[in-house]
Each structure stands twice: as C-alpha cells, then as structure tokens.
Amino acid sequence: MVSVEILAIGNELLIGDVLDTNTHWLCRRLTTMGAFVRRAVMVRDDEDAIAAEVQGALGRGTQLLITSGGLGPTDDDRTLSAIAKALRRPLELNEQALAMVAQRYRELHEQGFVDTPEVTPSRRKMAMLPEGATPLFNPVGTAPGVWLTEGESAIVCLPGVPAELKGIFEHSLPPYLERILGKGAYAEQTFEVTCRDESVLAPLLKSVADRHPEVYLKSKARVFGTEVRINLLVATTAADKATAEARLRAIVDDLIVALEPHGIVLIPQPSEKER
C-alpha cells in the first residue's frame, strides 16, 4: 500500500477557531482508494515549521504528502514558500497557474463578485509555485492546487476551504493520484456483538486479529451502563476488490468460530457501500 501523510496548515486550526474537517475527509477518501494514511499533523502558518514537517515526511519515505491550507493571497499564506524552502527550490511565476488565476478573476468580475479583474500582486502571489510544480485547476475558488514530485515522493498542495479542497481532489487530481495509488480497493463491515464486556471480548478478538494482520479489527463501545452495546469494525485495503472482500469473508468466518463457543453472536449493521 502507498504510504500517505497529511499536513493541515493554519493558525485558525490550532487556536480552535476552525475545526479541521479536511483531514477527516481526506483520511476516509484516501483509505477507500487503497492508500495507507500513516500520519496526520497540524501546524501553524510558520514557514520553518511547515518546511520541517515536509522534510520529515520525505525523510520517512512517505510516498504521498498532502497539505491543506495556506495557498491564498494573504501574507500568512506561506505553504508554497515553505515547500520551496524544504525542497531547496526557487519560487517562480508559473504561467499556467497565472492563467488560471487571471481567468478566475475575470469570471468573478463578470459576476459582480470583485471590483476588478486585474491580477494584482496579491493575486499574482497564488501563481508563484516551487520550481517544477504543476498547477491543479480549482473549480470552486481562486488558488490553484499544486502537484510536484521529489525523488520517489509526490506532494499535493490543496486549499484549506473544504469545498475547494474537495473540488480539486475530485475533479483535477484523479489522473495524478492514479499514478501513485493505482486501482486499490477498500472494503469494510460493521457488526454489533451480543457481549457487554470489552474485557471479555478483547482476548478473543486479539487471537483472530493476529491470524489476519492484513485486516483492521476494532471494537467500539456505543453506549455505557446496563444498555452497553459493542460494535466491531472489520476493514481492509487490497490491490483489487475481490481480494479485499475475500479477506473480510475469511476474518468474519474466523470471528464466528472464535465467538460462538462463548455465546457471542455477530449481528451485521448498515455500513457504507464497499468500494
């Protein structure tokens, strides 16, 4: 599986002003595509701090690093300058990105949303990319996303506004992600178990999980007290859907064998459609 790290950038995240829903969405979306998200962090709009995280991810051999936030026209939007610093590349005007920014402001001016279509210095800033970067069309906002490679790693920079992040991810990024992720598959199933004590359940689950290291098995207590209910999540990623589904069938069969002698039954629960 391809290893992924996510870097959420913005003072607003760390002072609690904005909830970081982007990381949650990216984790879920990438997992369903067969990737392995192994780390996610938040940092302030600090060039040195961002650069250090980028260098750390590359040093760990991360195959795909995704950043969110810090691509806009204001002075505290420093993601691209920080990445350029981390990679020891100059920031340069990218003509393709400049055309995207100019076209977007022409459209916004025609719609009456901005006073002028002029590419001001602040707007031009959004087209200053690290050397060798490729801009990604933003179908929602003004700041292009960015794709660049460093050795065997790829870096994707996305805006912090959720609608813009999702717009680029879903519309402009797929051809690039396919190069890295291929056609991976994800499958999951949730069960409720007829057992009210996780301490009783834990050793039984461990014995099954140890036999299926490629499958994630997690118990989750839903309600505490006399009405306690425990759910089990089984999930896996694989190179193809058939393999992922076969792994789930195998662990569920093993769970039934392990739990039935203790009077514990698995009750299937509704879950997201398997991909």
C-alpha atoms as a PDB file:
ATOM      1  CA  MET A   1       0.000   0.000   0.000  1.00  0.00           C
ATOM      2  CA  VAL A   2       1.084   3.548  -0.692  1.00  0.00           C
ATOM      3  CA  SER A   3       2.043   5.448   2.476  1.00  0.00           C
ATOM      4  CA  VAL A   4       0.372   8.838   2.877  1.00  0.00           C
ATOM      5  CA  GLU A   5       0.862  11.727   5.298  1.00  0.00           C
ATOM      6  CA  ILE A   6      -1.398  14.752   5.688  1.00  0.00           C
ATOM      7  CA  LEU A   7      -0.258  18.183   6.810  1.00  0.00           C
ATOM      8  CA  ALA A   8      -3.048  20.579   7.830  1.00  0.00           C
ATOM      9  CA  ILE A   9      -1.778  24.161   7.945  1.00  0.00           C
ATOM     10  CA  GLY A  10      -3.298  27.208   9.601  1.00  0.00           C
ATOM     11  CA  ASN A  11      -3.231  29.227  12.819  1.00  0.00           C
ATOM     12  CA  GLU A  12      -7.026  29.054  12.834  1.00  0.00           C
ATOM     13  CA  LEU A  13      -6.862  25.290  13.347  1.00  0.00           C
ATOM     14  CA  LEU A  14      -4.562  25.440  16.339  1.00  0.00           C
ATOM     15  CA  ILE A  15      -6.407  28.194  18.189  1.00  0.00           C
ATOM     16  CA  GLY A  16      -9.635  26.227  17.866  1.00  0.00           C
ATOM     17  CA  ASP A  17     -11.344  28.752  15.616  1.00  0.00           C
ATOM     18  CA  VAL A  18     -11.814  26.265  12.750  1.00  0.00           C
ATOM     19  CA  LEU A  19     -12.443  22.531  13.004  1.00  0.00           C
ATOM     20  CA  ASP A  20     -10.125  20.521  10.746  1.00  0.00           C
ATOM     21  CA  THR A  21     -12.706  18.533   8.798  1.00  0.00           C
ATOM     22  CA  ASN A  22     -10.370  18.334   5.800  1.00  0.00           C
ATOM     23  CA  THR A  23      -8.070  15.764   7.395  1.00  0.00           C
ATOM     24  CA  HIS A  24     -11.010  13.544   8.342  1.00  0.00           C
ATOM     25  CA  TRP A  25     -12.400  13.728   4.805  1.00  0.00           C
ATOM     26  CA  LEU A  26      -9.011  13.056   3.202  1.00  0.00           C
ATOM     27  CA  CYS A  27      -8.319  10.091   5.506  1.00  0.00           C
ATOM     28  CA  ARG A  28     -11.613   8.492   4.604  1.00  0.00           C
ATOM     29  CA  ARG A  29     -11.319   9.242   0.901  1.00  0.00           C
ATOM     30  CA  LEU A  30      -7.736   8.026   0.594  1.00  0.00           C
ATOM     31  CA  THR A  31      -8.428   4.877   2.587  1.00  0.00           C
ATOM     32  CA  THR A  32     -11.271   3.945   0.264  1.00  0.00           C
ATOM     33  CA  MET A  33      -8.825   4.339  -2.617  1.00  0.00           C
ATOM     34  CA  GLY A  34      -6.497   1.731  -1.122  1.00  0.00           C
ATOM     35  CA  ALA A  35      -3.921   4.079   0.416  1.00  0.00           C
ATOM     36  CA  PHE A  36      -2.422   3.784   3.907  1.00  0.00           C
ATOM     37  CA  VAL A  37      -2.638   7.043   5.839  1.00  0.00           C
ATOM     38  CA  ARG A  38       0.027   6.631   8.492  1.00  0.00           C
ATOM     39  CA  ARG A  39       0.330  10.141   9.916  1.00  0.00           C
ATOM     40  CA  ALA A  40      -1.512  13.463  10.062  1.00  0.00           C
ATOM     41  CA  VAL A  41      -0.404  16.635  11.821  1.00  0.00           C
ATOM     42  CA  MET A  42      -1.457  20.278  12.197  1.00  0.00           C
ATOM     43  CA  VAL A  43       0.987  23.188  12.121  1.00  0.00           C
ATOM     44  CA  ARG A  44       0.742  26.950  12.269  1.00  0.00           C
ATOM     45  CA  ASP A  45       1.335  29.299   9.340  1.00  0.00           C
ATOM     46  CA  ASP A  46       5.049  29.201  10.099  1.00  0.00           C
ATOM     47  CA  GLU A  47       7.423  28.711   7.182  1.00  0.00           C
ATOM     48  CA  ASP A  48      10.102  26.917   9.190  1.00  0.00           C
ATOM     49  CA  ALA A  49       7.587  24.634  10.900  1.00  0.00           C
ATOM     50  CA  ILE A  50       5.950  23.693   7.600  1.00  0.00           C
ATOM     51  CA  ALA A  51       9.307  23.097   5.927  1.00  0.00           C
ATOM     52  CA  ALA A  52      10.426  20.867   8.809  1.00  0.00           C
ATOM     53  CA  GLU A  53       7.295  18.723   8.506  1.00  0.00           C
ATOM     54  CA  VAL A  54       7.756  18.382   4.751  1.00  0.00           C
ATOM     55  CA  GLN A  55      11.378  17.326   5.179  1.00  0.00           C
ATOM     56  CA  GLY A  56      10.375  14.911   7.923  1.00  0.00           C
ATOM     57  CA  ALA A  57       7.732  13.262   5.734  1.00  0.00           C
ATOM     58  CA  LEU A  58      10.181  12.874   2.859  1.00  0.00           C
ATOM     59  CA  GLY A  59      12.810  11.522   5.245  1.00  0.00           C
ATOM     60  CA  ARG A  60      10.368   8.844   6.396  1.00  0.00           C
ATOM     61  CA  GLY A  61       9.922   7.715   2.823  1.00  0.00           C
ATOM     62  CA  THR A  62       6.346   8.955   2.528  1.00  0.00           C
ATOM     63  CA  GLN A  63       5.142   8.291  -0.995  1.00  0.00           C
ATOM     64  CA  LEU A  64       2.360  10.897  -0.969  1.00  0.00           C
ATOM     65  CA  LEU A  65       2.234  14.032   1.162  1.00  0.00           C
ATOM     66  CA  ILE A  66      -0.933  16.124   1.047  1.00  0.00           C
ATOM     67  CA  THR A  67      -1.087  19.606   2.538  1.00  0.00           C
ATOM     68  CA  SER A  68      -4.205  21.665   3.127  1.00  0.00           C
ATOM     69  CA  GLY A  69      -4.317  25.418   3.637  1.00  0.00           C
ATOM     70  CA  GLY A  70      -2.011  28.344   3.033  1.00  0.00           C
ATOM     71  CA  LEU A  71      -2.385  28.803  -0.743  1.00  0.00           C
ATOM     72  CA  GLY A  72      -4.263  32.107  -0.736  1.00  0.00           C
ATOM     73  CA  PRO A  73      -3.266  35.722  -1.481  1.00  0.00           C
ATOM     74  CA  THR A  74      -2.581  36.940   2.071  1.00  0.00           C
ATOM     75  CA  ASP A  75       0.802  37.304   3.749  1.00  0.00           C
ATOM     76  CA  ASP A  76       0.164  34.468   6.189  1.00  0.00           C
ATOM     77  CA  ASP A  77      -0.456  32.001   3.331  1.00  0.00           C
ATOM     78  CA  ARG A  78       3.033  30.525   3.320  1.00  0.00           C
ATOM     79  CA  THR A  79       2.678  26.900   2.310  1.00  0.00           C
ATOM     80  CA  LEU A  80       4.285  27.154  -1.117  1.00  0.00           C
ATOM     81  CA  SER A  81       7.222  29.252   0.043  1.00  0.00           C
ATOM     82  CA  ALA A  82       7.766  26.756   2.862  1.00  0.00           C
ATOM     83  CA  ILE A  83       7.722  23.802   0.474  1.00  0.00           C
ATOM     84  CA  ALA A  84      10.138  25.591  -1.838  1.00  0.00           C
ATOM     85  CA  LYS A  85      12.407  26.103   1.171  1.00  0.00           C
ATOM     86  CA  ALA A  86      12.132  22.452   2.218  1.00  0.00           C
ATOM     87  CA  LEU A  87      12.997  21.239  -1.277  1.00  0.00           C
ATOM     88  CA  ARG A  88      15.644  23.926  -1.842  1.00  0.00           C
ATOM     89  CA  ARG A  89      13.869  25.093  -4.971  1.00  0.00           C
ATOM     90  CA  PRO A  90      13.145  28.677  -6.003  1.00  0.00           C
ATOM     91  CA  LEU A  91       9.632  30.063  -6.131  1.00  0.00           C
ATOM     92  CA  GLU A  92       8.865  31.132  -9.677  1.00  0.00           C
ATOM     93  CA  LEU A  93       5.956  32.518 -11.613  1.00  0.00           C
ATOM     94  CA  ASN A  94       4.110  29.631 -13.209  1.00  0.00           C
ATOM     95  CA  GLU A  95       2.433  30.854 -16.401  1.00  0.00           C
ATOM     96  CA  GLN A  96      -0.188  28.123 -16.382  1.00  0.00           C
ATOM     97  CA  ALA A  97      -1.141  28.946 -12.786  1.00  0.00           C
ATOM     98  CA  LEU A  98      -1.206  32.656 -13.634  1.00  0.00           C
ATOM     99  CA  ALA A  99      -3.628  31.986 -16.492  1.00  0.00           C
ATOM    100  CA  MET A 100      -5.881  30.048 -14.100  1.00  0.00           C
ATOM    101  CA  VAL A 101      -5.872  32.876 -11.566  1.00  0.00           C
ATOM    102  CA  ALA A 102      -6.487  35.540 -14.237  1.00  0.00           C
ATOM    103  CA  GLN A 103      -9.362  33.605 -15.791  1.00  0.00           C
ATOM    104  CA  ARG A 104     -10.986  33.047 -12.406  1.00  0.00           C
ATOM    105  CA  TYR A 105     -10.878  36.747 -11.519  1.00  0.00           C
ATOM    106  CA  ARG A 106     -12.294  37.679 -14.917  1.00  0.00           C
ATOM    107  CA  GLU A 107     -15.209  35.356 -14.207  1.00  0.00           C
ATOM    108  CA  LEU A 108     -15.692  36.757 -10.706  1.00  0.00           C
ATOM    109  CA  HIS A 109     -15.614  40.307 -12.069  1.00  0.00           C
ATOM    110  CA  GLU A 110     -18.208  39.476 -14.727  1.00  0.00           C
ATOM    111  CA  GLN A 111     -20.403  38.022 -11.990  1.00  0.00           C
ATOM    112  CA  GLY A 112     -20.040  41.159  -9.903  1.00  0.00           C
ATOM    113  CA  PHE A 113     -18.191  39.469  -7.051  1.00  0.00           C
ATOM    114  CA  VAL A 114     -14.964  41.519  -7.311  1.00  0.00           C
ATOM    115  CA  ASP A 115     -14.388  45.122  -8.320  1.00  0.00           C
ATOM    116  CA  THR A 116     -11.630  44.495 -10.843  1.00  0.00           C
ATOM    117  CA  PRO A 117     -10.296  41.561 -12.856  1.00  0.00           C
ATOM    118  CA  GLU A 118      -6.752  42.918 -12.586  1.00  0.00           C
ATOM    119  CA  VAL A 119      -4.084  40.445 -11.482  1.00  0.00           C
ATOM    120  CA  THR A 120      -2.825  42.410  -8.511  1.00  0.00           C
ATOM    121  CA  PRO A 121       0.389  41.474  -6.652  1.00  0.00           C
ATOM    122  CA  SER A 122      -1.665  39.597  -4.042  1.00  0.00           C
ATOM    123  CA  ARG A 123      -3.453  37.618  -6.738  1.00  0.00           C
ATOM    124  CA  ARG A 124      -0.214  37.040  -8.622  1.00  0.00           C
ATOM    125  CA  LYS A 125       1.213  35.509  -5.430  1.00  0.00           C
ATOM    126  CA  MET A 126      -1.085  32.487  -5.914  1.00  0.00           C
ATOM    127  CA  ALA A 127       0.741  31.705  -9.171  1.00  0.00           C
ATOM    128  CA  MET A 128       4.189  31.670  -7.561  1.00  0.00           C
ATOM    129  CA  LEU A 129       4.980  27.957  -7.326  1.00  0.00           C
ATOM    130  CA  PRO A 130       8.067  25.930  -6.452  1.00  0.00           C
ATOM    131  CA  GLU A 131      10.212  25.201  -9.489  1.00  0.00           C
ATOM    132  CA  GLY A 132       8.950  22.151 -11.375  1.00  0.00           C
ATOM    133  CA  ALA A 133       5.426  22.257  -9.917  1.00  0.00           C
ATOM    134  CA  THR A 134       2.245  21.647 -11.881  1.00  0.00           C
ATOM    135  CA  PRO A 135      -0.856  23.740 -11.037  1.00  0.00           C
ATOM    136  CA  LEU A 136      -4.162  21.946 -10.472  1.00  0.00           C
ATOM    137  CA  PHE A 137      -7.316  23.712 -11.647  1.00  0.00           C
ATOM    138  CA  ASN A 138      -9.553  24.896  -8.817  1.00  0.00           C
ATOM    139  CA  PRO A 139     -13.207  24.625  -9.962  1.00  0.00           C
ATOM    140  CA  VAL A 140     -14.512  26.427  -6.870  1.00  0.00           C
ATOM    141  CA  GLY A 141     -12.049  29.116  -5.748  1.00  0.00           C
ATOM    142  CA  THR A 142      -9.153  31.201  -6.997  1.00  0.00           C
ATOM    143  CA  ALA A 143      -5.986  29.487  -5.739  1.00  0.00           C
ATOM    144  CA  PRO A 144      -4.783  26.582  -7.896  1.00  0.00           C
ATOM    145  CA  GLY A 145      -3.770  23.377  -6.189  1.00  0.00           C
ATOM    146  CA  VAL A 146      -0.226  22.147  -6.742  1.00  0.00           C
ATOM    147  CA  TRP A 147       1.362  18.826  -7.704  1.00  0.00           C
ATOM    148  CA  LEU A 148       5.092  18.227  -7.571  1.00  0.00           C
ATOM    149  CA  THR A 149       7.478  15.344  -7.129  1.00  0.00           C
ATOM    150  CA  GLU A 150      10.666  14.976  -5.145  1.00  0.00           C
ATOM    151  CA  GLY A 151      12.558  11.763  -5.811  1.00  0.00           C
ATOM    152  CA  GLU A 152      10.129   8.891  -5.280  1.00  0.00           C
ATOM    153  CA  SER A 153       7.641  11.069  -3.370  1.00  0.00           C
ATOM    154  CA  ALA A 154       4.737  13.201  -4.566  1.00  0.00           C
ATOM    155  CA  ILE A 155       3.465  16.337  -2.833  1.00  0.00           C
ATOM    156  CA  VAL A 156      -0.042  17.697  -3.319  1.00  0.00           C
ATOM    157  CA  CYS A 157      -0.985  21.137  -2.001  1.00  0.00           C
ATOM    158  CA  LEU A 158      -4.695  21.867  -1.598  1.00  0.00           C
ATOM    159  CA  PRO A 159      -6.581  24.939  -0.337  1.00  0.00           C
ATOM    160  CA  GLY A 160      -7.944  24.944   3.199  1.00  0.00           C
ATOM    161  CA  VAL A 161     -11.514  25.842   2.228  1.00  0.00           C
ATOM    162  CA  PRO A 162     -13.265  22.434   2.277  1.00  0.00           C
ATOM    163  CA  ALA A 163     -15.294  22.996  -0.897  1.00  0.00           C
ATOM    164  CA  GLU A 164     -12.155  23.995  -2.801  1.00  0.00           C
ATOM    165  CA  LEU A 165     -10.126  21.103  -1.413  1.00  0.00           C
ATOM    166  CA  LYS A 166     -12.803  18.607  -2.403  1.00  0.00           C
ATOM    167  CA  GLY A 167     -13.300  20.239  -5.800  1.00  0.00           C
ATOM    168  CA  ILE A 168      -9.639  19.881  -6.741  1.00  0.00           C
ATOM    169  CA  PHE A 169      -9.373  16.402  -5.224  1.00  0.00           C
ATOM    170  CA  GLU A 170     -12.383  15.082  -7.123  1.00  0.00           C
ATOM    171  CA  HIS A 171     -12.004  16.924 -10.441  1.00  0.00           C
ATOM    172  CA  SER A 172      -8.351  17.793 -11.085  1.00  0.00           C
ATOM    173  CA  LEU A 173      -6.327  15.354  -9.001  1.00  0.00           C
ATOM    174  CA  PRO A 174      -7.566  11.857 -10.034  1.00  0.00           C
ATOM    175  CA  PRO A 175      -5.179  11.362 -13.005  1.00  0.00           C
ATOM    176  CA  TYR A 176      -2.222  12.237 -10.789  1.00  0.00           C
ATOM    177  CA  LEU A 177      -3.376  10.087  -7.867  1.00  0.00           C
ATOM    178  CA  GLU A 178      -3.846   7.113 -10.157  1.00  0.00           C
ATOM    179  CA  ARG A 179      -0.143   7.243 -10.980  1.00  0.00           C
ATOM    180  CA  ILE A 180       0.647   6.831  -7.282  1.00  0.00           C
ATOM    181  CA  LEU A 181      -2.234   4.773  -5.915  1.00  0.00           C
ATOM    182  CA  GLY A 182      -3.157   2.630  -8.884  1.00  0.00           C
ATOM    183  CA  LYS A 183      -6.583   0.976  -8.621  1.00  0.00           C
ATOM    184  CA  GLY A 184      -6.564  -0.038  -4.950  1.00  0.00           C
ATOM    185  CA  ALA A 185      -9.756  -1.237  -3.247  1.00  0.00           C
ATOM    186  CA  TYR A 186     -11.239  -0.933   0.228  1.00  0.00           C
ATOM    187  CA  ALA A 187     -13.924  -2.977   1.987  1.00  0.00           C
ATOM    188  CA  GLU A 188     -15.436  -2.829   5.455  1.00  0.00           C
ATOM    189  CA  GLN A 189     -18.250  -4.315   7.516  1.00  0.00           C
ATOM    190  CA  THR A 190     -19.667  -3.385  10.916  1.00  0.00           C
ATOM    191  CA  PHE A 191     -21.250  -5.825  13.382  1.00  0.00           C
ATOM    192  CA  GLU A 192     -22.912  -5.497  16.747  1.00  0.00           C
ATOM    193  CA  VAL A 193     -21.907  -8.247  19.174  1.00  0.00           C
ATOM    194  CA  THR A 194     -24.043  -9.799  21.889  1.00  0.00           C
ATOM    195  CA  CYS A 195     -21.433  -9.143  24.567  1.00  0.00           C
ATOM    196  CA  ARG A 196     -21.450  -6.232  27.013  1.00  0.00           C
ATOM    197  CA  ASP A 197     -17.896  -6.512  28.309  1.00  0.00           C
ATOM    198  CA  GLU A 198     -14.982  -5.436  26.119  1.00  0.00           C
ATOM    199  CA  SER A 199     -12.534  -7.028  28.552  1.00  0.00           C
ATOM    200  CA  VAL A 200     -14.093 -10.425  27.795  1.00  0.00           C
ATOM    201  CA  LEU A 201     -14.142  -9.709  24.087  1.00  0.00           C
ATOM    202  CA  ALA A 202     -10.587  -8.348  23.851  1.00  0.00           C
ATOM    203  CA  PRO A 203      -8.546 -11.596  24.078  1.00  0.00           C
ATOM    204  CA  LEU A 204     -10.892 -13.352  21.667  1.00  0.00           C
ATOM    205  CA  LEU A 205     -10.536 -10.562  19.124  1.00  0.00           C
ATOM    206  CA  LYS A 206      -6.764 -10.461  19.536  1.00  0.00           C
ATOM    207  CA  SER A 207      -6.444 -14.141  18.703  1.00  0.00           C
ATOM    208  CA  VAL A 208      -8.413 -13.584  15.485  1.00  0.00           C
ATOM    209  CA  ALA A 209      -6.643 -10.328  14.578  1.00  0.00           C
ATOM    210  CA  ASP A 210      -3.244 -11.993  14.968  1.00  0.00           C
ATOM    211  CA  ARG A 211      -4.243 -14.508  12.297  1.00  0.00           C
ATOM    212  CA  HIS A 212      -5.359 -11.769   9.890  1.00  0.00           C
ATOM    213  CA  PRO A 213      -2.728  -8.992  10.060  1.00  0.00           C
ATOM    214  CA  GLU A 214      -3.910  -7.500   6.772  1.00  0.00           C
ATOM    215  CA  VAL A 215      -7.344  -6.688   8.249  1.00  0.00           C
ATOM    216  CA  TYR A 216      -8.137  -3.911  10.735  1.00  0.00           C
ATOM    217  CA  LEU A 217     -10.329  -5.230  13.566  1.00  0.00           C
ATOM    218  CA  LYS A 218     -11.619  -2.769  16.161  1.00  0.00           C
ATOM    219  CA  SER A 219     -14.242  -2.976  18.906  1.00  0.00           C
ATOM    220  CA  LYS A 220     -16.161   0.188  19.803  1.00  0.00           C
ATOM    221  CA  ALA A 221     -18.487   0.588  22.793  1.00  0.00           C
ATOM    222  CA  ARG A 222     -21.525   2.619  21.719  1.00  0.00           C
ATOM    223  CA  VAL A 223     -23.433   3.068  24.991  1.00  0.00           C
ATOM    224  CA  PHE A 224     -22.228   2.619  28.565  1.00  0.00           C
ATOM    225  CA  GLY A 225     -24.093   1.234  31.574  1.00  0.00           C
ATOM    226  CA  THR A 226     -26.658  -1.544  31.603  1.00  0.00           C
ATOM    227  CA  GLU A 227     -27.515  -0.936  27.945  1.00  0.00           C
ATOM    228  CA  VAL A 228     -23.935  -1.113  26.689  1.00  0.00           C
ATOM    229  CA  ARG A 229     -23.635  -2.111  23.038  1.00  0.00           C
ATOM    230  CA  ILE A 230     -20.384  -3.016  21.328  1.00  0.00           C
ATOM    231  CA  ASN A 231     -19.723  -2.737  17.614  1.00  0.00           C
ATOM    232  CA  LEU A 232     -16.958  -4.429  15.667  1.00  0.00           C
ATOM    233  CA  LEU A 233     -15.423  -2.862  12.581  1.00  0.00           C
ATOM    234  CA  VAL A 234     -13.514  -5.059  10.128  1.00  0.00           C
ATOM    235  CA  ALA A 235     -11.806  -3.264   7.254  1.00  0.00           C
ATOM    236  CA  THR A 236      -9.049  -3.847   4.749  1.00  0.00           C
ATOM    237  CA  THR A 237      -7.401  -2.419   1.669  1.00  0.00           C
ATOM    238  CA  ALA A 238      -6.050  -4.507  -1.185  1.00  0.00           C
ATOM    239  CA  ALA A 239      -4.907  -4.300  -4.770  1.00  0.00           C
ATOM    240  CA  ASP A 240      -8.395  -5.242  -6.006  1.00  0.00           C
ATOM    241  CA  LYS A 241     -11.950  -5.558  -4.734  1.00  0.00           C
ATOM    242  CA  ALA A 242     -12.061  -9.359  -4.929  1.00  0.00           C
ATOM    243  CA  THR A 243      -9.046  -9.691  -2.653  1.00  0.00           C
ATOM    244  CA  ALA A 244     -10.423  -7.163  -0.160  1.00  0.00           C
ATOM    245  CA  GLU A 245     -13.780  -8.932   0.022  1.00  0.00           C
ATOM    246  CA  ALA A 246     -12.116 -12.343   0.363  1.00  0.00           C
ATOM    247  CA  ARG A 247     -10.115 -11.059   3.334  1.00  0.00           C
ATOM    248  CA  LEU A 248     -13.298  -9.842   5.017  1.00  0.00           C
ATOM    249  CA  ARG A 249     -15.065 -13.143   4.490  1.00  0.00           C
ATOM    250  CA  ALA A 250     -12.104 -15.008   5.960  1.00  0.00           C
ATOM    251  CA  ILE A 251     -11.907 -12.932   9.137  1.00  0.00           C
ATOM    252  CA  VAL A 252     -15.682 -12.943   9.663  1.00  0.00           C
ATOM    253  CA  ASP A 253     -15.714 -16.747   9.405  1.00  0.00           C
ATOM    254  CA  ASP A 254     -12.866 -16.875  11.915  1.00  0.00           C
ATOM    255  CA  LEU A 255     -14.688 -14.483  14.257  1.00  0.00           C
ATOM    256  CA  ILE A 256     -17.794 -16.659  14.224  1.00  0.00           C
ATOM    257  CA  VAL A 257     -15.735 -19.748  15.121  1.00  0.00           C
ATOM    258  CA  ALA A 258     -13.946 -17.883  17.929  1.00  0.00           C
ATOM    259  CA  LEU A 259     -17.013 -16.182  19.440  1.00  0.00           C
ATOM    260  CA  GLU A 260     -19.777 -18.790  19.185  1.00  0.00           C
ATOM    261  CA  PRO A 261     -18.406 -21.090  21.940  1.00  0.00           C
ATOM    262  CA  HIS A 262     -18.752 -18.121  24.305  1.00  0.00           C
ATOM    263  CA  GLY A 263     -22.328 -17.447  23.285  1.00  0.00           C
ATOM    264  CA  ILE A 264     -21.386 -14.280  21.395  1.00  0.00           C
ATOM    265  CA  VAL A 265     -23.195 -13.590  18.128  1.00  0.00           C
ATOM    266  CA  LEU A 266     -22.305 -11.178  15.319  1.00  0.00           C
ATOM    267  CA  ILE A 267     -25.194  -9.027  14.087  1.00  0.00           C
ATOM    268  CA  PRO A 268     -24.482  -7.241  10.756  1.00  0.00           C
ATOM    269  CA  GLN A 269     -25.045  -3.472  10.835  1.00  0.00           C
ATOM    270  CA  PRO A 270     -25.586  -0.996   7.997  1.00  0.00           C
ATOM    271  CA  SER A 271     -22.342   0.474   6.701  1.00  0.00           C
ATOM    272  CA  GLU A 272     -21.080   2.500   3.761  1.00  0.00           C
ATOM    273  CA  LYS A 273     -21.121   0.754   0.428  1.00  0.00           C
ATOM    274  CA  GLU A 274     -17.932  -1.219  -0.095  1.00  0.00           C
ATOM    275  CA  ARG A 275     -15.630   0.168  -2.745  1.00  0.00           C
END
